[in-house]
Amino acid sequence: IPKVDVIDRNDEIFVKAELPGVKKDDLEVTLSDNLLTLQARVEQEAKTEEGKYHRRELRRGEFRRTLALPAPVDEKAAKATFRNGVLELHLPKVAGYSPKAIKVE
């Protein structure tokens, strides 16, 4: 499961996710009803040979992580970049949104 930072800025929600071993073509990012979903398939192989000893480790699998965003965002204006296993999302907040306090009696 990827490690994710979600930062609520004045005009946007900024999301940064570490996705080691994930290729851009195997990554799917979706926004729906104020939920952000990250989904990917990982296939990685490591091989070590030392004399007569032989070891092989395989890492395969899929993950899916869904996060509730702290504010409504404009899905059409969302921007994403993916470099060196790090996904960054800039999700502009819906114009006119402001959180409302509820008085507790």
PDB file of N, CA and C in Angstrom:
ATOM      1  N   ILE A   1       0.856  -1.176   0.000  1.00  0.00           N
ATOM      2  CA  ILE A   1       0.000   0.000   0.000  1.00  0.00           C
ATOM      3  C   ILE A   1       0.896   1.232   0.000  1.00  0.00           C
ATOM      4  N   PRO A   2       0.655   2.160  -0.907  1.00  0.00           N
ATOM      5  CA  PRO A   2       1.522   3.330  -1.004  1.00  0.00           C
ATOM      6  C   PRO A   2       1.355   4.292   0.180  1.00  0.00           C
ATOM      7  N   LYS A   3       2.453   4.965   0.497  1.00  0.00           N
ATOM      8  CA  LYS A   3       2.407   6.023   1.503  1.00  0.00           C
ATOM      9  C   LYS A   3       1.959   7.296   0.806  1.00  0.00           C
ATOM     10  N   VAL A   4       1.033   8.009   1.443  1.00  0.00           N
ATOM     11  CA  VAL A   4       0.413   9.170   0.800  1.00  0.00           C
ATOM     12  C   VAL A   4       0.379  10.355   1.754  1.00  0.00           C
ATOM     13  N   ASP A   5       0.705  11.544   1.229  1.00  0.00           N
ATOM     14  CA  ASP A   5       0.511  12.802   1.943  1.00  0.00           C
ATOM     15  C   ASP A   5      -0.634  13.537   1.267  1.00  0.00           C
ATOM     16  N   VAL A   6      -1.576  14.053   2.049  1.00  0.00           N
ATOM     17  CA  VAL A   6      -2.678  14.866   1.525  1.00  0.00           C
ATOM     18  C   VAL A   6      -2.607  16.201   2.254  1.00  0.00           C
ATOM     19  N   ILE A   7      -2.414  17.279   1.489  1.00  0.00           N
ATOM     20  CA  ILE A   7      -2.253  18.609   2.072  1.00  0.00           C
ATOM     21  C   ILE A   7      -3.390  19.508   1.593  1.00  0.00           C
ATOM     22  N   ASP A   8      -4.109  20.091   2.537  1.00  0.00           N
ATOM     23  CA  ASP A   8      -5.217  21.005   2.240  1.00  0.00           C
ATOM     24  C   ASP A   8      -4.654  22.420   2.195  1.00  0.00           C
ATOM     25  N   ARG A   9      -4.489  22.953   0.988  1.00  0.00           N
ATOM     26  CA  ARG A   9      -3.981  24.316   0.801  1.00  0.00           C
ATOM     27  C   ARG A   9      -5.166  25.254   0.591  1.00  0.00           C
ATOM     28  N   ASN A  10      -4.895  26.549   0.521  1.00  0.00           N
ATOM     29  CA  ASN A  10      -5.976  27.534   0.371  1.00  0.00           C
ATOM     30  C   ASN A  10      -6.863  27.268  -0.836  1.00  0.00           C
ATOM     31  N   ASP A  11      -6.243  27.003  -1.984  1.00  0.00           N
ATOM     32  CA  ASP A  11      -7.023  26.878  -3.219  1.00  0.00           C
ATOM     33  C   ASP A  11      -6.984  25.489  -3.854  1.00  0.00           C
ATOM     34  N   GLU A  12      -6.271  24.546  -3.228  1.00  0.00           N
ATOM     35  CA  GLU A  12      -6.175  23.209  -3.809  1.00  0.00           C
ATOM     36  C   GLU A  12      -5.894  22.162  -2.734  1.00  0.00           C
ATOM     37  N   ILE A  13      -6.112  20.920  -3.133  1.00  0.00           N
ATOM     38  CA  ILE A  13      -5.676  19.771  -2.339  1.00  0.00           C
ATOM     39  C   ILE A  13      -4.463  19.213  -3.082  1.00  0.00           C
ATOM     40  N   PHE A  14      -3.340  19.075  -2.381  1.00  0.00           N
ATOM     41  CA  PHE A  14      -2.125  18.530  -2.973  1.00  0.00           C
ATOM     42  C   PHE A  14      -1.908  17.125  -2.419  1.00  0.00           C
ATOM     43  N   VAL A  15      -1.713  16.168  -3.324  1.00  0.00           N
ATOM     44  CA  VAL A  15      -1.509  14.775  -2.922  1.00  0.00           C
ATOM     45  C   VAL A  15      -0.182  14.304  -3.494  1.00  0.00           C
ATOM     46  N   LYS A  16       0.615  13.663  -2.625  1.00  0.00           N
ATOM     47  CA  LYS A  16       1.899  13.103  -3.044  1.00  0.00           C
ATOM     48  C   LYS A  16       1.933  11.657  -2.568  1.00  0.00           C
ATOM     49  N   ALA A  17       2.194  10.730  -3.498  1.00  0.00           N
ATOM     50  CA  ALA A  17       2.199   9.306  -3.168  1.00  0.00           C
ATOM     51  C   ALA A  17       3.484   8.653  -3.652  1.00  0.00           C
ATOM     52  N   GLU A  18       4.088   7.824  -2.789  1.00  0.00           N
ATOM     53  CA  GLU A  18       5.266   7.048  -3.155  1.00  0.00           C
ATOM     54  C   GLU A  18       4.804   5.721  -3.742  1.00  0.00           C
ATOM     55  N   LEU A  19       5.224   5.453  -4.975  1.00  0.00           N
ATOM     56  CA  LEU A  19       4.805   4.237  -5.674  1.00  0.00           C
ATOM     57  C   LEU A  19       6.022   3.514  -6.254  1.00  0.00           C
ATOM     58  N   PRO A  20       6.914   2.999  -5.398  1.00  0.00           N
ATOM     59  CA  PRO A  20       8.117   2.333  -5.914  1.00  0.00           C
ATOM     60  C   PRO A  20       7.781   1.083  -6.703  1.00  0.00           C
ATOM     61  N   GLY A  21       8.476   0.924  -7.834  1.00  0.00           N
ATOM     62  CA  GLY A  21       8.268  -0.260  -8.661  1.00  0.00           C
ATOM     63  C   GLY A  21       7.081  -0.188  -9.592  1.00  0.00           C
ATOM     64  N   VAL A  22       6.309   0.896  -9.530  1.00  0.00           N
ATOM     65  CA  VAL A  22       5.129   1.046 -10.382  1.00  0.00           C
ATOM     66  C   VAL A  22       5.524   1.785 -11.661  1.00  0.00           C
ATOM     67  N   LYS A  23       5.069   1.267 -12.787  1.00  0.00           N
ATOM     68  CA  LYS A  23       5.284   1.933 -14.072  1.00  0.00           C
ATOM     69  C   LYS A  23       4.079   2.820 -14.362  1.00  0.00           C
ATOM     70  N   LYS A  24       4.336   3.904 -15.060  1.00  0.00           N
ATOM     71  CA  LYS A  24       3.279   4.870 -15.383  1.00  0.00           C
ATOM     72  C   LYS A  24       2.099   4.193 -16.093  1.00  0.00           C
ATOM     73  N   ASP A  25       2.385   3.261 -16.993  1.00  0.00           N
ATOM     74  CA  ASP A  25       1.325   2.592 -17.750  1.00  0.00           C
ATOM     75  C   ASP A  25       0.489   1.645 -16.894  1.00  0.00           C
ATOM     76  N   ASP A  26       1.004   1.253 -15.728  1.00  0.00           N
ATOM     77  CA  ASP A  26       0.283   0.336 -14.841  1.00  0.00           C
ATOM     78  C   ASP A  26      -0.479   1.057 -13.734  1.00  0.00           C
ATOM     79  N   LEU A  27      -0.466   2.392 -13.766  1.00  0.00           N
ATOM     80  CA  LEU A  27      -1.085   3.211 -12.721  1.00  0.00           C
ATOM     81  C   LEU A  27      -2.414   3.790 -13.211  1.00  0.00           C
ATOM     82  N   GLU A  28      -3.425   3.697 -12.342  1.00  0.00           N
ATOM     83  CA  GLU A  28      -4.731   4.290 -12.647  1.00  0.00           C
ATOM     84  C   GLU A  28      -5.124   5.194 -11.481  1.00  0.00           C
ATOM     85  N   VAL A  29      -5.477   6.436 -11.794  1.00  0.00           N
ATOM     86  CA  VAL A  29      -5.895   7.418 -10.802  1.00  0.00           C
ATOM     87  C   VAL A  29      -7.293   7.876 -11.171  1.00  0.00           C
ATOM     88  N   THR A  30      -8.238   7.785 -10.214  1.00  0.00           N
ATOM     89  CA  THR A  30      -9.610   8.211 -10.492  1.00  0.00           C
ATOM     90  C   THR A  30     -10.130   9.100  -9.362  1.00  0.00           C
ATOM     91  N   LEU A  31     -11.006  10.025  -9.741  1.00  0.00           N
ATOM     92  CA  LEU A  31     -11.699  10.905  -8.802  1.00  0.00           C
ATOM     93  C   LEU A  31     -13.187  10.737  -9.008  1.00  0.00           C
ATOM     94  N   SER A  32     -13.905  10.504  -7.911  1.00  0.00           N
ATOM     95  CA  SER A  32     -15.344  10.363  -8.003  1.00  0.00           C
ATOM     96  C   SER A  32     -15.974  10.668  -6.651  1.00  0.00           C
ATOM     97  N   ASP A  33     -16.939  11.554  -6.645  1.00  0.00           N
ATOM     98  CA  ASP A  33     -17.668  11.895  -5.420  1.00  0.00           C
ATOM     99  C   ASP A  33     -16.733  12.214  -4.250  1.00  0.00           C
ATOM    100  N   ASN A  34     -15.721  13.033  -4.519  1.00  0.00           N
ATOM    101  CA  ASN A  34     -14.778  13.474  -3.483  1.00  0.00           C
ATOM    102  C   ASN A  34     -13.909  12.345  -2.937  1.00  0.00           C
ATOM    103  N   LEU A  35     -13.787  11.264  -3.707  1.00  0.00           N
ATOM    104  CA  LEU A  35     -12.911  10.154  -3.343  1.00  0.00           C
ATOM    105  C   LEU A  35     -11.822  10.015  -4.401  1.00  0.00           C
ATOM    106  N   LEU A  36     -10.583   9.882  -3.952  1.00  0.00           N
ATOM    107  CA  LEU A  36      -9.442   9.672  -4.833  1.00  0.00           C
ATOM    108  C   LEU A  36      -9.029   8.208  -4.715  1.00  0.00           C
ATOM    109  N   THR A  37      -8.914   7.525  -5.850  1.00  0.00           N
ATOM    110  CA  THR A  37      -8.503   6.127  -5.847  1.00  0.00           C
ATOM    111  C   THR A  37      -7.226   5.966  -6.659  1.00  0.00           C
ATOM    112  N   LEU A  38      -6.242   5.314  -6.037  1.00  0.00           N
ATOM    113  CA  LEU A  38      -4.985   4.962  -6.690  1.00  0.00           C
ATOM    114  C   LEU A  38      -4.972   3.448  -6.836  1.00  0.00           C
ATOM    115  N   GLN A  39      -4.702   2.992  -8.038  1.00  0.00           N
ATOM    116  CA  GLN A  39      -4.702   1.561  -8.299  1.00  0.00           C
ATOM    117  C   GLN A  39      -3.548   1.246  -9.249  1.00  0.00           C
ATOM    118  N   ALA A  40      -2.811   0.161  -8.959  1.00  0.00           N
ATOM    119  CA  ALA A  40      -1.690  -0.202  -9.825  1.00  0.00           C
ATOM    120  C   ALA A  40      -1.373  -1.680  -9.700  1.00  0.00           C
ATOM    121  N   ARG A  41      -0.656  -2.150 -10.705  1.00  0.00           N
ATOM    122  CA  ARG A  41      -0.135  -3.509 -10.710  1.00  0.00           C
ATOM    123  C   ARG A  41       1.384  -3.401 -10.635  1.00  0.00           C
ATOM    124  N   VAL A  42       2.007  -4.229  -9.791  1.00  0.00           N
ATOM    125  CA  VAL A  42       3.454  -4.184  -9.599  1.00  0.00           C
ATOM    126  C   VAL A  42       4.049  -5.536  -9.961  1.00  0.00           C
ATOM    127  N   GLU A  43       5.062  -5.513 -10.819  1.00  0.00           N
ATOM    128  CA  GLU A  43       5.814  -6.715 -11.136  1.00  0.00           C
ATOM    129  C   GLU A  43       7.286  -6.344 -11.076  1.00  0.00           C
ATOM    130  N   GLN A  44       7.984  -6.952 -10.150  1.00  0.00           N
ATOM    131  CA  GLN A  44       9.384  -6.639  -9.951  1.00  0.00           C
ATOM    132  C   GLN A  44      10.130  -7.933  -9.670  1.00  0.00           C
ATOM    133  N   GLU A  45      11.334  -8.044 -10.189  1.00  0.00           N
ATOM    134  CA  GLU A  45      12.105  -9.269  -9.997  1.00  0.00           C
ATOM    135  C   GLU A  45      13.522  -8.907  -9.594  1.00  0.00           C
ATOM    136  N   ALA A  46      14.039  -9.567  -8.558  1.00  0.00           N
ATOM    137  CA  ALA A  46      15.427  -9.386  -8.125  1.00  0.00           C
ATOM    138  C   ALA A  46      16.105 -10.745  -8.161  1.00  0.00           C
ATOM    139  N   LYS A  47      17.345 -10.767  -8.596  1.00  0.00           N
ATOM    140  CA  LYS A  47      18.046 -12.031  -8.740  1.00  0.00           C
ATOM    141  C   LYS A  47      19.480 -11.845  -8.254  1.00  0.00           C
ATOM    142  N   THR A  48      19.975 -12.749  -7.387  1.00  0.00           N
ATOM    143  CA  THR A  48      21.334 -12.689  -6.876  1.00  0.00           C
ATOM    144  C   THR A  48      21.984 -14.056  -7.013  1.00  0.00           C
ATOM    145  N   GLU A  49      23.203 -14.067  -7.510  1.00  0.00           N
ATOM    146  CA  GLU A  49      23.938 -15.317  -7.620  1.00  0.00           C
ATOM    147  C   GLU A  49      25.277 -15.160  -6.919  1.00  0.00           C
ATOM    148  N   GLU A  50      25.614 -16.107  -6.044  1.00  0.00           N
ATOM    149  CA  GLU A  50      26.880 -16.098  -5.325  1.00  0.00           C
ATOM    150  C   GLU A  50      27.419 -17.521  -5.299  1.00  0.00           C
ATOM    151  N   GLY A  51      28.442 -17.812  -6.104  1.00  0.00           N
ATOM    152  CA  GLY A  51      28.992 -19.166  -6.142  1.00  0.00           C
ATOM    153  C   GLY A  51      27.927 -20.185  -6.485  1.00  0.00           C
ATOM    154  N   LYS A  52      27.790 -21.222  -5.647  1.00  0.00           N
ATOM    155  CA  LYS A  52      26.785 -22.255  -5.880  1.00  0.00           C
ATOM    156  C   LYS A  52      25.417 -21.865  -5.332  1.00  0.00           C
ATOM    157  N   TYR A  53      25.390 -20.828  -4.531  1.00  0.00           N
ATOM    158  CA  TYR A  53      24.130 -20.382  -3.945  1.00  0.00           C
ATOM    159  C   TYR A  53      23.373 -19.536  -4.960  1.00  0.00           C
ATOM    160  N   HIS A  54      22.095 -19.794  -5.072  1.00  0.00           N
ATOM    161  CA  HIS A  54      21.251 -19.039  -6.002  1.00  0.00           C
ATOM    162  C   HIS A  54      19.983 -18.615  -5.275  1.00  0.00           C
ATOM    163  N   ARG A  55      19.658 -17.348  -5.351  1.00  0.00           N
ATOM    164  CA  ARG A  55      18.449 -16.837  -4.701  1.00  0.00           C
ATOM    165  C   ARG A  55      17.694 -15.975  -5.708  1.00  0.00           C
ATOM    166  N   ARG A  56      16.389 -16.115  -5.691  1.00  0.00           N
ATOM    167  CA  ARG A  56      15.554 -15.333  -6.588  1.00  0.00           C
ATOM    168  C   ARG A  56      14.327 -14.859  -5.815  1.00  0.00           C
ATOM    169  N   GLU A  57      14.043 -13.578  -5.892  1.00  0.00           N
ATOM    170  CA  GLU A  57      12.880 -13.015  -5.204  1.00  0.00           C
ATOM    171  C   GLU A  57      11.968 -12.356  -6.219  1.00  0.00           C
ATOM    172  N   LEU A  58      10.720 -12.664  -6.137  1.00  0.00           N
ATOM    173  CA  LEU A  58       9.718 -12.085  -7.025  1.00  0.00           C
ATOM    174  C   LEU A  58       8.765 -11.229  -6.215  1.00  0.00           C
ATOM    175  N   ARG A  59       8.415 -10.122  -6.749  1.00  0.00           N
ATOM    176  CA  ARG A  59       7.425  -9.258  -6.102  1.00  0.00           C
ATOM    177  C   ARG A  59       6.372  -8.926  -7.152  1.00  0.00           C
ATOM    178  N   ARG A  60       5.205  -9.421  -6.917  1.00  0.00           N
ATOM    179  CA  ARG A  60       4.088  -9.152  -7.825  1.00  0.00           C
ATOM    180  C   ARG A  60       2.867  -8.847  -6.999  1.00  0.00           C
ATOM    181  N   GLY A  61       1.989  -8.110  -7.573  1.00  0.00           N
ATOM    182  CA  GLY A  61       0.744  -7.857  -6.876  1.00  0.00           C
ATOM    183  C   GLY A  61       0.041  -6.623  -7.388  1.00  0.00           C
ATOM    184  N   GLU A  62      -1.078  -6.356  -6.782  1.00  0.00           N
ATOM    185  CA  GLU A  62      -1.879  -5.183  -7.113  1.00  0.00           C
ATOM    186  C   GLU A  62      -2.270  -4.491  -5.829  1.00  0.00           C
ATOM    187  N   PHE A  63      -2.490  -3.199  -5.937  1.00  0.00           N
ATOM    188  CA  PHE A  63      -3.032  -2.496  -4.788  1.00  0.00           C
ATOM    189  C   PHE A  63      -4.100  -1.528  -5.268  1.00  0.00           C
ATOM    190  N   ARG A  64      -4.955  -1.190  -4.350  1.00  0.00           N
ATOM    191  CA  ARG A  64      -5.996  -0.198  -4.599  1.00  0.00           C
ATOM    192  C   ARG A  64      -6.195   0.547  -3.297  1.00  0.00           C
ATOM    193  N   ARG A  65      -6.032   1.860  -3.329  1.00  0.00           N
ATOM    194  CA  ARG A  65      -6.202   2.673  -2.128  1.00  0.00           C
ATOM    195  C   ARG A  65      -7.132   3.829  -2.454  1.00  0.00           C
ATOM    196  N   THR A  66      -8.164   3.988  -1.628  1.00  0.00           N
ATOM    197  CA  THR A  66      -9.134   5.068  -1.810  1.00  0.00           C
ATOM    198  C   THR A  66      -9.066   5.998  -0.612  1.00  0.00           C
ATOM    199  N   LEU A  67      -8.979   7.300  -0.900  1.00  0.00           N
ATOM    200  CA  LEU A  67      -8.877   8.319   0.134  1.00  0.00           C
ATOM    201  C   LEU A  67     -10.013   9.320  -0.001  1.00  0.00           C
ATOM    202  N   ALA A  68     -10.609   9.692   1.125  1.00  0.00           N
ATOM    203  CA  ALA A  68     -11.611  10.764   1.123  1.00  0.00           C
ATOM    204  C   ALA A  68     -10.857  12.089   1.159  1.00  0.00           C
ATOM    205  N   LEU A  69     -11.206  12.982   0.250  1.00  0.00           N
ATOM    206  CA  LEU A  69     -10.549  14.295   0.206  1.00  0.00           C
ATOM    207  C   LEU A  69     -11.210  15.248   1.203  1.00  0.00           C
ATOM    208  N   PRO A  70     -10.439  16.180   1.785  1.00  0.00           N
ATOM    209  CA  PRO A  70     -10.979  17.065   2.813  1.00  0.00           C
ATOM    210  C   PRO A  70     -11.888  18.180   2.290  1.00  0.00           C
ATOM    211  N   ALA A  71     -11.973  18.340   0.964  1.00  0.00           N
ATOM    212  CA  ALA A  71     -12.825  19.386   0.375  1.00  0.00           C
ATOM    213  C   ALA A  71     -13.207  18.954  -1.037  1.00  0.00           C
ATOM    214  N   PRO A  72     -14.335  19.463  -1.547  1.00  0.00           N
ATOM    215  CA  PRO A  72     -14.717  19.146  -2.926  1.00  0.00           C
ATOM    216  C   PRO A  72     -13.711  19.742  -3.914  1.00  0.00           C
ATOM    217  N   VAL A  73     -13.378  18.990  -4.965  1.00  0.00           N
ATOM    218  CA  VAL A  73     -12.403  19.455  -5.947  1.00  0.00           C
ATOM    219  C   VAL A  73     -13.013  19.475  -7.340  1.00  0.00           C
ATOM    220  N   ASP A  74     -12.414  20.293  -8.209  1.00  0.00           N
ATOM    221  CA  ASP A  74     -12.823  20.390  -9.606  1.00  0.00           C
ATOM    222  C   ASP A  74     -12.112  19.288 -10.384  1.00  0.00           C
ATOM    223  N   GLU A  75     -12.790  18.192 -10.637  1.00  0.00           N
ATOM    224  CA  GLU A  75     -12.188  17.020 -11.282  1.00  0.00           C
ATOM    225  C   GLU A  75     -11.648  17.347 -12.674  1.00  0.00           C
ATOM    226  N   LYS A  76     -12.288  18.257 -13.386  1.00  0.00           N
ATOM    227  CA  LYS A  76     -11.873  18.596 -14.746  1.00  0.00           C
ATOM    228  C   LYS A  76     -10.566  19.384 -14.774  1.00  0.00           C
ATOM    229  N   ALA A  77     -10.223  20.078 -13.692  1.00  0.00           N
ATOM    230  CA  ALA A  77      -9.013  20.894 -13.648  1.00  0.00           C
ATOM    231  C   ALA A  77      -7.858  20.189 -12.929  1.00  0.00           C
ATOM    232  N   ALA A  78      -8.038  18.947 -12.551  1.00  0.00           N
ATOM    233  CA  ALA A  78      -6.998  18.198 -11.831  1.00  0.00           C
ATOM    234  C   ALA A  78      -5.788  17.959 -12.733  1.00  0.00           C
ATOM    235  N   LYS A  79      -4.599  18.019 -12.126  1.00  0.00           N
ATOM    236  CA  LYS A  79      -3.351  17.778 -12.860  1.00  0.00           C
ATOM    237  C   LYS A  79      -2.517  16.764 -12.090  1.00  0.00           C
ATOM    238  N   ALA A  80      -1.874  15.857 -12.839  1.00  0.00           N
ATOM    239  CA  ALA A  80      -1.065  14.807 -12.218  1.00  0.00           C
ATOM    240  C   ALA A  80       0.272  14.681 -12.934  1.00  0.00           C
ATOM    241  N   THR A  81       1.329  14.424 -12.147  1.00  0.00           N
ATOM    242  CA  THR A  81       2.647  14.110 -12.697  1.00  0.00           C
ATOM    243  C   THR A  81       3.163  12.860 -11.995  1.00  0.00           C
ATOM    244  N   PHE A  82       3.968  12.082 -12.716  1.00  0.00           N
ATOM    245  CA  PHE A  82       4.537  10.857 -12.161  1.00  0.00           C
ATOM    246  C   PHE A  82       5.983  10.763 -12.611  1.00  0.00           C
ATOM    247  N   ARG A  83       6.906  10.914 -11.652  1.00  0.00           N
ATOM    248  CA  ARG A  83       8.343  10.867 -11.944  1.00  0.00           C
ATOM    249  C   ARG A  83       9.061  10.080 -10.863  1.00  0.00           C
ATOM    250  N   ASN A  84       9.928   9.184 -11.293  1.00  0.00           N
ATOM    251  CA  ASN A  84      10.776   8.417 -10.373  1.00  0.00           C
ATOM    252  C   ASN A  84       9.988   7.762  -9.242  1.00  0.00           C
ATOM    253  N   GLY A  85       8.829   7.206  -9.556  1.00  0.00           N
ATOM    254  CA  GLY A  85       8.041   6.495  -8.559  1.00  0.00           C
ATOM    255  C   GLY A  85       7.258   7.370  -7.606  1.00  0.00           C
ATOM    256  N   VAL A  86       7.160   8.674  -7.903  1.00  0.00           N
ATOM    257  CA  VAL A  86       6.411   9.599  -7.045  1.00  0.00           C
ATOM    258  C   VAL A  86       5.296  10.243  -7.865  1.00  0.00           C
ATOM    259  N   LEU A  87       4.065  10.080  -7.396  1.00  0.00           N
ATOM    260  CA  LEU A  87       2.896  10.687  -8.030  1.00  0.00           C
ATOM    261  C   LEU A  87       2.549  11.968  -7.286  1.00  0.00           C
ATOM    262  N   GLU A  88       2.340  13.055  -8.027  1.00  0.00           N
ATOM    263  CA  GLU A  88       1.898  14.320  -7.439  1.00  0.00           C
ATOM    264  C   GLU A  88       0.615  14.754  -8.133  1.00  0.00           C
ATOM    265  N   LEU A  89      -0.379  15.095  -7.328  1.00  0.00           N
ATOM    266  CA  LEU A  89      -1.666  15.551  -7.849  1.00  0.00           C
ATOM    267  C   LEU A  89      -1.967  16.948  -7.317  1.00  0.00           C
ATOM    268  N   HIS A  90      -2.381  17.825  -8.207  1.00  0.00           N
ATOM    269  CA  HIS A  90      -2.857  19.158  -7.843  1.00  0.00           C
ATOM    270  C   HIS A  90      -4.351  19.173  -8.163  1.00  0.00           C
ATOM    271  N   LEU A  91      -5.166  19.240  -7.120  1.00  0.00           N
ATOM    272  CA  LEU A  91      -6.616  19.159  -7.264  1.00  0.00           C
ATOM    273  C   LEU A  91      -7.237  20.476  -6.802  1.00  0.00           C
ATOM    274  N   PRO A  92      -7.573  21.369  -7.750  1.00  0.00           N
ATOM    275  CA  PRO A  92      -8.162  22.653  -7.366  1.00  0.00           C
ATOM    276  C   PRO A  92      -9.495  22.465  -6.651  1.00  0.00           C
ATOM    277  N   LYS A  93      -9.697  23.239  -5.602  1.00  0.00           N
ATOM    278  CA  LYS A  93     -10.963  23.178  -4.871  1.00  0.00           C
ATOM    279  C   LYS A  93     -12.075  23.805  -5.702  1.00  0.00           C
ATOM    280  N   VAL A  94     -13.284  23.362  -5.465  1.00  0.00           N
ATOM    281  CA  VAL A  94     -14.452  23.933  -6.125  1.00  0.00           C
ATOM    282  C   VAL A  94     -14.576  25.394  -5.695  1.00  0.00           C
ATOM    283  N   ALA A  95     -14.815  26.274  -6.667  1.00  0.00           N
ATOM    284  CA  ALA A  95     -14.933  27.701  -6.376  1.00  0.00           C
ATOM    285  C   ALA A  95     -16.047  27.959  -5.372  1.00  0.00           C
ATOM    286  N   GLY A  96     -15.772  28.804  -4.416  1.00  0.00           N
ATOM    287  CA  GLY A  96     -16.782  29.188  -3.437  1.00  0.00           C
ATOM    288  C   GLY A  96     -16.911  28.248  -2.261  1.00  0.00           C
ATOM    289  N   TYR A  97     -16.120  27.179  -2.219  1.00  0.00           N
ATOM    290  CA  TYR A  97     -16.227  26.243  -1.091  1.00  0.00           C
ATOM    291  C   TYR A  97     -15.530  26.809   0.134  1.00  0.00           C
ATOM    292  N   SER A  98     -16.175  26.689   1.252  1.00  0.00           N
ATOM    293  CA  SER A  98     -15.551  27.005   2.538  1.00  0.00           C
ATOM    294  C   SER A  98     -16.185  26.115   3.597  1.00  0.00           C
ATOM    295  N   PRO A  99     -15.356  25.553   4.475  1.00  0.00           N
ATOM    296  CA  PRO A  99     -15.911  24.677   5.497  1.00  0.00           C
ATOM    297  C   PRO A  99     -16.823  25.461   6.441  1.00  0.00           C
ATOM    298  N   LYS A 100     -17.830  24.814   6.955  1.00  0.00           N
ATOM    299  CA  LYS A 100     -18.777  25.477   7.853  1.00  0.00           C
ATOM    300  C   LYS A 100     -18.694  24.841   9.228  1.00  0.00           C
ATOM    301  N   ALA A 101     -18.596  25.683  10.224  1.00  0.00           N
ATOM    302  CA  ALA A 101     -18.566  25.205  11.607  1.00  0.00           C
ATOM    303  C   ALA A 101     -19.986  24.943  12.068  1.00  0.00           C
ATOM    304  N   ILE A 102     -20.139  23.944  12.906  1.00  0.00           N
ATOM    305  CA  ILE A 102     -21.448  23.614  13.473  1.00  0.00           C
ATOM    306  C   ILE A 102     -21.383  23.863  14.968  1.00  0.00           C
ATOM    307  N   LYS A 103     -22.294  24.673  15.445  1.00  0.00           N
ATOM    308  CA  LYS A 103     -22.328  24.986  16.865  1.00  0.00           C
ATOM    309  C   LYS A 103     -22.901  23.807  17.645  1.00  0.00           C
ATOM    310  N   VAL A 104     -22.172  23.393  18.649  1.00  0.00           N
ATOM    311  CA  VAL A 104     -22.611  22.281  19.499  1.00  0.00           C
ATOM    312  C   VAL A 104     -23.343  22.871  20.679  1.00  0.00           C
ATOM    313  N   GLU A 105     -24.556  22.418  20.927  1.00  0.00           N
ATOM    314  CA  GLU A 105     -25.349  22.943  22.039  1.00  0.00           C
ATOM    315  C   GLU A 105     -25.363  21.987  23.192  1.00  0.00           C
TER     316      GLU A 105
END
